[in-house]
């Protein structure tokens, strides 16, 4: 199973609503960390990390292709 890469995370809240986060996803023991890039006027200006419990998340990975060197 993958534990790091680019993707989208759906986080299910206690009231039944869903929040979606996109960015670099890292899965630790019982947490999912999403790093979102903050853009201002089209330029990267920073990043924010969101730490979520793994039991309430669904991760959708973006396919990545790596070229052998």
PDB file of N, CA and C in Angstrom:
ATOM      1  N   UNK A   1       0.839  -1.182   0.000  1.00  0.00           N
ATOM      2  CA  UNK A   1       0.000   0.000   0.000  1.00  0.00           C
ATOM      3  C   UNK A   1       0.884   1.244   0.000  1.00  0.00           C
ATOM      4  N   UNK A   2       0.458   2.248  -0.728  1.00  0.00           N
ATOM      5  CA  UNK A   2       1.195   3.509  -0.758  1.00  0.00           C
ATOM      6  C   UNK A   2       1.006   4.242   0.563  1.00  0.00           C
ATOM      7  N   UNK A   3       1.993   5.011   0.950  1.00  0.00           N
ATOM      8  CA  UNK A   3       1.840   5.819   2.151  1.00  0.00           C
ATOM      9  C   UNK A   3       2.238   7.277   1.939  1.00  0.00           C
ATOM     10  N   UNK A   4       2.695   7.614   0.719  1.00  0.00           N
ATOM     11  CA  UNK A   4       3.027   9.003   0.429  1.00  0.00           C
ATOM     12  C   UNK A   4       2.833   9.249  -1.065  1.00  0.00           C
ATOM     13  N   UNK A   5       2.344  10.435  -1.411  1.00  0.00           N
ATOM     14  CA  UNK A   5       2.141  10.786  -2.807  1.00  0.00           C
ATOM     15  C   UNK A   5       1.111  11.891  -2.956  1.00  0.00           C
ATOM     16  N   UNK A   6       0.749  12.184  -4.181  1.00  0.00           N
ATOM     17  CA  UNK A   6      -0.226  13.215  -4.490  1.00  0.00           C
ATOM     18  C   UNK A   6      -1.612  12.590  -4.546  1.00  0.00           C
ATOM     19  N   UNK A   7      -2.591  13.294  -3.996  1.00  0.00           N
ATOM     20  CA  UNK A   7      -3.934  12.743  -4.030  1.00  0.00           C
ATOM     21  C   UNK A   7      -4.973  13.665  -3.435  1.00  0.00           C
ATOM     22  N   UNK A   8      -6.156  13.102  -3.269  1.00  0.00           N
ATOM     23  CA  UNK A   8      -7.292  13.815  -2.692  1.00  0.00           C
ATOM     24  C   UNK A   8      -7.777  13.013  -1.498  1.00  0.00           C
ATOM     25  N   UNK A   9      -8.120  13.709  -0.411  1.00  0.00           N
ATOM     26  CA  UNK A   9      -8.613  13.057   0.798  1.00  0.00           C
ATOM     27  C   UNK A   9     -10.016  13.564   1.068  1.00  0.00           C
ATOM     28  N   UNK A  10     -10.955  12.623   1.253  1.00  0.00           N
ATOM     29  CA  UNK A  10     -12.303  12.961   1.705  1.00  0.00           C
ATOM     30  C   UNK A  10     -12.358  12.658   3.192  1.00  0.00           C
ATOM     31  N   UNK A  11     -12.689  13.676   3.998  1.00  0.00           N
ATOM     32  CA  UNK A  11     -12.753  13.546   5.444  1.00  0.00           C
ATOM     33  C   UNK A  11     -14.212  13.620   5.862  1.00  0.00           C
ATOM     34  N   UNK A  12     -14.687  12.584   6.542  1.00  0.00           N
ATOM     35  CA  UNK A  12     -16.083  12.499   6.963  1.00  0.00           C
ATOM     36  C   UNK A  12     -16.228  13.057   8.375  1.00  0.00           C
ATOM     37  N   UNK A  13     -17.012  14.130   8.502  1.00  0.00           N
ATOM     38  CA  UNK A  13     -17.223  14.779   9.795  1.00  0.00           C
ATOM     39  C   UNK A  13     -18.324  14.066  10.567  1.00  0.00           C
ATOM     40  N   UNK A  14     -18.419  14.352  11.869  1.00  0.00           N
ATOM     41  CA  UNK A  14     -19.391  13.692  12.742  1.00  0.00           C
ATOM     42  C   UNK A  14     -20.834  14.037  12.361  1.00  0.00           C
ATOM     43  N   UNK A  15     -21.065  15.206  11.764  1.00  0.00           N
ATOM     44  CA  UNK A  15     -22.433  15.595  11.398  1.00  0.00           C
ATOM     45  C   UNK A  15     -22.873  15.034  10.046  1.00  0.00           C
ATOM     46  N   UNK A  16     -22.039  14.210   9.418  1.00  0.00           N
ATOM     47  CA  UNK A  16     -22.383  13.573   8.150  1.00  0.00           C
ATOM     48  C   UNK A  16     -21.903  14.307   6.918  1.00  0.00           C
ATOM     49  N   UNK A  17     -21.312  15.477   7.081  1.00  0.00           N
ATOM     50  CA  UNK A  17     -20.804  16.216   5.924  1.00  0.00           C
ATOM     51  C   UNK A  17     -19.395  15.715   5.576  1.00  0.00           C
ATOM     52  N   UNK A  18     -18.952  16.096   4.378  1.00  0.00           N
ATOM     53  CA  UNK A  18     -17.659  15.648   3.863  1.00  0.00           C
ATOM     54  C   UNK A  18     -16.829  16.868   3.483  1.00  0.00           C
ATOM     55  N   UNK A  19     -15.558  16.862   3.886  1.00  0.00           N
ATOM     56  CA  UNK A  19     -14.611  17.893   3.450  1.00  0.00           C
ATOM     57  C   UNK A  19     -13.588  17.235   2.554  1.00  0.00           C
ATOM     58  N   UNK A  20     -13.196  17.938   1.502  1.00  0.00           N
ATOM     59  CA  UNK A  20     -12.211  17.417   0.554  1.00  0.00           C
ATOM     60  C   UNK A  20     -10.952  18.273   0.605  1.00  0.00           C
ATOM     61  N   UNK A  21      -9.816  17.596   0.644  1.00  0.00           N
ATOM     62  CA  UNK A  21      -8.518  18.255   0.632  1.00  0.00           C
ATOM     63  C   UNK A  21      -7.688  17.639  -0.482  1.00  0.00           C
ATOM     64  N   UNK A  22      -6.914  18.469  -1.195  1.00  0.00           N
ATOM     65  CA  UNK A  22      -6.036  17.986  -2.260  1.00  0.00           C
ATOM     66  C   UNK A  22      -4.619  18.464  -1.994  1.00  0.00           C
ATOM     67  N   UNK A  23      -3.651  17.616  -2.323  1.00  0.00           N
ATOM     68  CA  UNK A  23      -2.255  17.986  -2.162  1.00  0.00           C
ATOM     69  C   UNK A  23      -1.398  16.756  -1.970  1.00  0.00           C
ATOM     70  N   UNK A  24      -0.263  16.954  -1.295  1.00  0.00           N
ATOM     71  CA  UNK A  24       0.629  15.843  -0.981  1.00  0.00           C
ATOM     72  C   UNK A  24       0.080  15.132   0.244  1.00  0.00           C
ATOM     73  N   UNK A  25      -0.115  13.832   0.127  1.00  0.00           N
ATOM     74  CA  UNK A  25      -0.720  13.033   1.187  1.00  0.00           C
ATOM     75  C   UNK A  25       0.331  12.097   1.772  1.00  0.00           C
ATOM     76  N   UNK A  26       0.377  12.024   3.100  1.00  0.00           N
ATOM     77  CA  UNK A  26       1.266  11.098   3.790  1.00  0.00           C
ATOM     78  C   UNK A  26       0.459  10.379   4.859  1.00  0.00           C
ATOM     79  N   UNK A  27       0.532   9.046   4.855  1.00  0.00           N
ATOM     80  CA  UNK A  27      -0.199   8.254   5.834  1.00  0.00           C
ATOM     81  C   UNK A  27       0.786   7.746   6.873  1.00  0.00           C
ATOM     82  N   UNK A  28       0.534   8.116   8.136  1.00  0.00           N
ATOM     83  CA  UNK A  28       1.333   7.624   9.250  1.00  0.00           C
ATOM     84  C   UNK A  28       0.536   6.526   9.949  1.00  0.00           C
ATOM     85  N   UNK A  29       0.914   6.145  11.151  1.00  0.00           N
ATOM     86  CA  UNK A  29       0.297   5.023  11.856  1.00  0.00           C
ATOM     87  C   UNK A  29      -1.222   5.153  11.940  1.00  0.00           C
ATOM     88  N   UNK A  30      -1.721   6.228  12.512  1.00  0.00           N
ATOM     89  CA  UNK A  30      -3.163   6.394  12.648  1.00  0.00           C
ATOM     90  C   UNK A  30      -3.628   7.770  12.177  1.00  0.00           C
ATOM     91  N   UNK A  31      -2.786   8.479  11.436  1.00  0.00           N
ATOM     92  CA  UNK A  31      -3.091   9.836  10.969  1.00  0.00           C
ATOM     93  C   UNK A  31      -2.840   9.949   9.469  1.00  0.00           C
ATOM     94  N   UNK A  32      -3.553  10.887   8.844  1.00  0.00           N
ATOM     95  CA  UNK A  32      -3.326  11.248   7.448  1.00  0.00           C
ATOM     96  C   UNK A  32      -2.943  12.721   7.437  1.00  0.00           C
ATOM     97  N   UNK A  33      -1.806  13.039   6.846  1.00  0.00           N
ATOM     98  CA  UNK A  33      -1.327  14.424   6.765  1.00  0.00           C
ATOM     99  C   UNK A  33      -1.433  14.876   5.319  1.00  0.00           C
ATOM    100  N   UNK A  34      -2.168  15.985   5.098  1.00  0.00           N
ATOM    101  CA  UNK A  34      -2.325  16.561   3.761  1.00  0.00           C
ATOM    102  C   UNK A  34      -1.606  17.905   3.750  1.00  0.00           C
ATOM    103  N   UNK A  35      -0.691  18.088   2.810  1.00  0.00           N
ATOM    104  CA  UNK A  35       0.013  19.363   2.651  1.00  0.00           C
ATOM    105  C   UNK A  35      -0.552  20.058   1.423  1.00  0.00           C
ATOM    106  N   UNK A  36      -1.217  21.191   1.648  1.00  0.00           N
ATOM    107  CA  UNK A  36      -1.788  21.975   0.551  1.00  0.00           C
ATOM    108  C   UNK A  36      -0.879  23.163   0.259  1.00  0.00           C
ATOM    109  N   UNK A  37      -0.640  23.417  -1.020  1.00  0.00           N
ATOM    110  CA  UNK A  37       0.140  24.581  -1.444  1.00  0.00           C
ATOM    111  C   UNK A  37      -0.799  25.780  -1.537  1.00  0.00           C
ATOM    112  N   UNK A  38      -0.408  26.886  -0.931  1.00  0.00           N
ATOM    113  CA  UNK A  38      -1.205  28.112  -0.969  1.00  0.00           C
ATOM    114  C   UNK A  38      -0.648  28.995  -2.073  1.00  0.00           C
ATOM    115  N   UNK A  39      -1.505  29.360  -3.033  1.00  0.00           N
ATOM    116  CA  UNK A  39      -1.104  30.223  -4.147  1.00  0.00           C
ATOM    117  C   UNK A  39      -1.713  31.603  -3.966  1.00  0.00           C
ATOM    118  N   UNK A  40      -0.898  32.631  -4.180  1.00  0.00           N
ATOM    119  CA  UNK A  40      -1.368  34.018  -4.173  1.00  0.00           C
ATOM    120  C   UNK A  40      -0.997  34.620  -5.519  1.00  0.00           C
ATOM    121  N   UNK A  41      -1.985  35.083  -6.261  1.00  0.00           N
ATOM    122  CA  UNK A  41      -1.797  35.636  -7.604  1.00  0.00           C
ATOM    123  C   UNK A  41      -1.091  34.642  -8.526  1.00  0.00           C
ATOM    124  N   UNK A  42      -1.401  33.371  -8.368  1.00  0.00           N
ATOM    125  CA  UNK A  42      -0.846  32.345  -9.237  1.00  0.00           C
ATOM    126  C   UNK A  42       0.544  31.862  -8.872  1.00  0.00           C
ATOM    127  N   UNK A  43       1.124  32.406  -7.813  1.00  0.00           N
ATOM    128  CA  UNK A  43       2.457  32.003  -7.394  1.00  0.00           C
ATOM    129  C   UNK A  43       2.394  31.286  -6.051  1.00  0.00           C
ATOM    130  N   UNK A  44       3.176  30.208  -5.883  1.00  0.00           N
ATOM    131  CA  UNK A  44       3.192  29.533  -4.589  1.00  0.00           C
ATOM    132  C   UNK A  44       3.699  30.472  -3.503  1.00  0.00           C
ATOM    133  N   UNK A  45       2.938  30.588  -2.407  1.00  0.00           N
ATOM    134  CA  UNK A  45       3.303  31.521  -1.347  1.00  0.00           C
ATOM    135  C   UNK A  45       3.485  30.825  -0.008  1.00  0.00           C
ATOM    136  N   UNK A  46       3.232  29.552   0.055  1.00  0.00           N
ATOM    137  CA  UNK A  46       3.384  28.837   1.314  1.00  0.00           C
ATOM    138  C   UNK A  46       2.652  27.519   1.258  1.00  0.00           C
ATOM    139  N   UNK A  47       2.596  26.871   2.385  1.00  0.00           N
ATOM    140  CA  UNK A  47       1.916  25.584   2.471  1.00  0.00           C
ATOM    141  C   UNK A  47       1.268  25.465   3.837  1.00  0.00           C
ATOM    142  N   UNK A  48       0.223  24.631   3.896  1.00  0.00           N
ATOM    143  CA  UNK A  48      -0.379  24.343   5.192  1.00  0.00           C
ATOM    144  C   UNK A  48      -0.583  22.842   5.301  1.00  0.00           C
ATOM    145  N   UNK A  49      -0.376  22.339   6.496  1.00  0.00           N
ATOM    146  CA  UNK A  49      -0.549  20.914   6.743  1.00  0.00           C
ATOM    147  C   UNK A  49      -1.821  20.699   7.547  1.00  0.00           C
ATOM    148  N   UNK A  50      -2.596  19.705   7.130  1.00  0.00           N
ATOM    149  CA  UNK A  50      -3.818  19.335   7.816  1.00  0.00           C
ATOM    150  C   UNK A  50      -3.631  17.912   8.308  1.00  0.00           C
ATOM    151  N   UNK A  51      -3.824  17.696   9.600  1.00  0.00           N
ATOM    152  CA  UNK A  51      -3.613  16.411  10.241  1.00  0.00           C
ATOM    153  C   UNK A  51      -4.972  15.817  10.577  1.00  0.00           C
ATOM    154  N   UNK A  52      -5.327  14.667   9.977  1.00  0.00           N
ATOM    155  CA  UNK A  52      -6.651  14.075  10.110  1.00  0.00           C
ATOM    156  C   UNK A  52      -6.554  12.649  10.642  1.00  0.00           C
ATOM    157  N   UNK A  53      -7.579  12.181  11.393  1.00  0.00           N
ATOM    158  CA  UNK A  53      -7.574  10.782  11.826  1.00  0.00           C
ATOM    159  C   UNK A  53      -7.845   9.843  10.648  1.00  0.00           C
ATOM    160  N   UNK A  54      -7.064   8.773  10.548  1.00  0.00           N
ATOM    161  CA  UNK A  54      -7.135   7.875   9.396  1.00  0.00           C
ATOM    162  C   UNK A  54      -8.470   7.156   9.297  1.00  0.00           C
ATOM    163  N   UNK A  55      -9.123   6.879  10.422  1.00  0.00           N
ATOM    164  CA  UNK A  55     -10.379   6.142  10.414  1.00  0.00           C
ATOM    165  C   UNK A  55     -11.540   6.883   9.782  1.00  0.00           C
ATOM    166  N   UNK A  56     -11.430   8.189   9.602  1.00  0.00           N
ATOM    167  CA  UNK A  56     -12.503   8.992   9.020  1.00  0.00           C
ATOM    168  C   UNK A  56     -12.164   9.499   7.630  1.00  0.00           C
ATOM    169  N   UNK A  57     -11.133   8.933   6.995  1.00  0.00           N
ATOM    170  CA  UNK A  57     -10.662   9.428   5.702  1.00  0.00           C
ATOM    171  C   UNK A  57     -10.728   8.355   4.625  1.00  0.00           C
ATOM    172  N   UNK A  58     -10.953   8.830   3.400  1.00  0.00           N
ATOM    173  CA  UNK A  58     -10.798   8.004   2.198  1.00  0.00           C
ATOM    174  C   UNK A  58      -9.801   8.732   1.313  1.00  0.00           C
ATOM    175  N   UNK A  59      -8.746   8.019   0.881  1.00  0.00           N
ATOM    176  CA  UNK A  59      -7.687   8.627   0.081  1.00  0.00           C
ATOM    177  C   UNK A  59      -7.816   8.157  -1.357  1.00  0.00           C
ATOM    178  N   UNK A  60      -7.821   9.117  -2.285  1.00  0.00           N
ATOM    179  CA  UNK A  60      -7.809   8.830  -3.720  1.00  0.00           C
ATOM    180  C   UNK A  60      -6.456   9.291  -4.252  1.00  0.00           C
ATOM    181  N   UNK A  61      -5.632   8.343  -4.700  1.00  0.00           N
ATOM    182  CA  UNK A  61      -4.297   8.664  -5.184  1.00  0.00           C
ATOM    183  C   UNK A  61      -4.339   9.116  -6.642  1.00  0.00           C
ATOM    184  N   UNK A  62      -3.501  10.079  -6.980  1.00  0.00           N
ATOM    185  CA  UNK A  62      -3.301  10.500  -8.362  1.00  0.00           C
ATOM    186  C   UNK A  62      -2.243   9.583  -8.959  1.00  0.00           C
ATOM    187  N   UNK A  63      -2.513   8.965 -10.113  1.00  0.00           N
ATOM    188  CA  UNK A  63      -1.503   8.084 -10.711  1.00  0.00           C
ATOM    189  C   UNK A  63      -0.227   8.864 -11.032  1.00  0.00           C
ATOM    190  N   UNK A  64       0.898   8.295 -10.660  1.00  0.00           N
ATOM    191  CA  UNK A  64       2.186   8.929 -10.919  1.00  0.00           C
ATOM    192  C   UNK A  64       3.057   7.948 -11.694  1.00  0.00           C
ATOM    193  N   UNK A  65       3.769   8.468 -12.661  1.00  0.00           N
ATOM    194  CA  UNK A  65       4.652   7.640 -13.483  1.00  0.00           C
ATOM    195  C   UNK A  65       6.081   8.100 -13.237  1.00  0.00           C
ATOM    196  N   UNK A  66       6.926   7.142 -12.906  1.00  0.00           N
ATOM    197  CA  UNK A  66       8.327   7.446 -12.672  1.00  0.00           C
ATOM    198  C   UNK A  66       9.151   6.814 -13.779  1.00  0.00           C
ATOM    199  N   UNK A  67      10.097   7.555 -14.285  1.00  0.00           N
ATOM    200  CA  UNK A  67      10.935   7.073 -15.368  1.00  0.00           C
ATOM    201  C   UNK A  67      12.198   6.433 -14.786  1.00  0.00           C
ATOM    202  N   UNK A  68      12.494   5.229 -15.230  1.00  0.00           N
ATOM    203  CA  UNK A  68      13.699   4.548 -14.756  1.00  0.00           C
ATOM    204  C   UNK A  68      14.931   5.224 -15.334  1.00  0.00           C
ATOM    205  N   UNK A  69      15.932   5.395 -14.505  1.00  0.00           N
ATOM    206  CA  UNK A  69      17.164   6.054 -14.942  1.00  0.00           C
ATOM    207  C   UNK A  69      18.207   5.014 -15.226  1.00  0.00           C
TER     208      UNK A  69
END
